[in-house]
Protein backbone atom coordinates (compact mmCIF):
# COMPACT_ATOMS: atom_id res chain seq x y z
CA MET A 1 343.86 97.77 -139.98
CA GLY A 2 347.37 95.80 -139.19
CA ASP A 3 348.21 97.28 -135.99
CA LEU A 4 345.60 94.98 -134.00
CA GLY A 5 345.31 91.12 -134.43
CA PHE A 6 342.62 88.92 -132.98
CA GLN A 7 342.39 85.35 -132.67
CA GLY A 8 339.13 83.47 -131.81
CA THR A 9 339.44 81.29 -128.65
CA THR A 10 337.06 80.38 -125.95
CA GLY A 11 336.42 81.81 -122.34
CA LYS A 12 334.02 81.09 -119.62
CA ASP A 13 331.42 83.02 -118.02
CA ALA A 14 330.90 83.70 -114.24
CA GLU A 15 328.94 80.66 -114.15
CA GLY A 16 331.70 78.37 -115.92
CA HIS A 17 329.92 77.98 -119.27
CA ARG A 18 332.11 78.19 -122.13
CA LEU A 19 331.78 81.50 -124.58
CA SER A 20 333.07 82.73 -127.92
CA ALA A 21 336.28 84.97 -126.90
CA TYR A 22 339.14 86.63 -128.39
CA ASP A 23 342.99 87.04 -127.66
CA ILE A 24 343.69 91.06 -128.97
CA PHE A 25 347.24 91.13 -130.31
CA VAL A 26 349.09 94.62 -130.24
CA ARG A 27 352.34 96.39 -130.98
CA GLY A 28 352.64 94.45 -134.64
CA SER A 29 353.49 96.20 -137.97
CA LEU A 30 354.87 95.90 -141.30
CA GLY A 31 357.13 98.69 -142.88
CA PRO A 32 360.50 100.20 -141.95
CA ASP A 33 360.12 98.77 -138.09
CA PRO A 34 358.14 95.55 -138.72
CA ALA A 35 357.49 93.48 -135.46
CA ILE A 36 355.53 90.40 -134.64
CA ALA A 37 352.31 91.39 -132.68
CA ARG A 38 351.77 89.85 -129.13
CA PRO A 39 348.63 88.68 -127.24
CA VAL A 40 348.07 91.27 -124.45
CA PHE A 41 344.42 91.07 -123.74
CA ARG A 42 343.26 87.12 -123.52
CA ARG A 43 340.00 85.68 -123.82
CA VAL A 44 338.24 88.98 -124.26
CA PRO A 45 334.13 87.71 -124.59
CA SER A 46 332.81 88.60 -128.09
CA ASP A 47 330.25 90.73 -126.86
CA GLY A 48 333.26 92.98 -125.08
CA LEU A 49 335.38 92.79 -127.99
CA GLU A 50 333.82 96.18 -129.94
CA ALA A 51 334.17 98.30 -126.66
CA ALA A 52 337.79 97.19 -126.10
CA VAL A 53 338.64 98.16 -129.38
CA GLU A 54 337.08 101.58 -129.67
CA GLY A 55 338.92 102.05 -126.30
CA LEU A 56 342.35 101.49 -127.61
CA ILE A 57 341.24 103.77 -130.91
CA ARG A 58 339.63 106.72 -128.84
CA GLY A 59 342.65 106.26 -126.30
CA TRP A 60 344.76 106.92 -129.27
CA LEU A 61 342.80 109.95 -130.71
CA ASP A 62 342.68 111.16 -127.47
CA GLY A 63 346.23 110.56 -126.43
CA ARG A 64 348.73 110.67 -129.66
CA LEU A 65 351.89 112.71 -129.91
CA ASP A 66 351.53 115.24 -132.69
CA GLY A 67 351.91 112.95 -135.77
CA GLU A 68 351.53 109.44 -133.61
CA SER A 69 350.78 106.62 -135.58
CA PHE A 70 348.43 103.87 -133.92
CA THR A 71 351.70 101.43 -133.80
CA GLU A 72 353.79 104.14 -132.08
CA PHE A 73 351.56 105.08 -129.50
CA GLN A 74 350.96 101.40 -128.19
CA ARG A 75 354.70 100.69 -128.51
CA ARG A 76 354.96 103.84 -126.19
CA LEU A 77 352.47 102.86 -123.48
CA THR A 78 352.87 99.79 -120.98
CA ASP A 79 350.30 97.11 -121.20
CA ASP A 80 348.44 98.29 -117.85
CA GLU A 81 347.91 102.10 -119.62
CA LEU A 82 346.97 100.13 -122.83
CA GLY A 83 344.78 98.13 -120.38
CA ALA A 84 343.25 100.87 -118.79
CA ILE A 85 342.16 102.65 -122.10
CA ALA A 86 340.81 99.17 -123.46
CA ARG A 87 339.13 98.87 -119.94
CA LEU A 88 340.99 95.32 -119.92
CA GLU A 89 343.19 93.78 -117.42
CA PRO A 90 346.12 92.80 -119.76
CA ALA A 91 347.12 88.84 -119.39
CA ARG A 92 350.39 88.44 -117.29
CA SER A 93 353.50 86.79 -118.81
CA ARG A 94 354.55 83.32 -116.87
CA ARG A 95 358.13 85.39 -116.67
CA ASP A 96 355.90 88.34 -115.34
CA ALA A 97 354.61 86.43 -112.84
CA GLU A 98 357.46 84.97 -111.63
CA GLU A 99 359.62 88.59 -111.06
CA ALA A 100 356.53 89.58 -109.22
CA ALA A 101 356.65 86.30 -107.23
CA ALA A 102 360.15 87.04 -105.92
């Protein structure tokens, strides 16, 4: 499925030990409205990846508008809304952090 992307990385567990993880990229697509995906979820532990993807797909199946593609669905939702259905905290960009501090 080209609407979700994954990049292998590392993270840390509660004790600070390194573990295998992934960044999850969304909102990318080919076709008539192409876009480069961006990472919305960072350092998702490998053992949590399947549940996150399942949450995103189930969220789309349950919440899509009539005929809405997965790409259209994920572009319509905010990062926080996607996070709620994936049960993940979205990564915040440096710009988001600066705006929140201002």
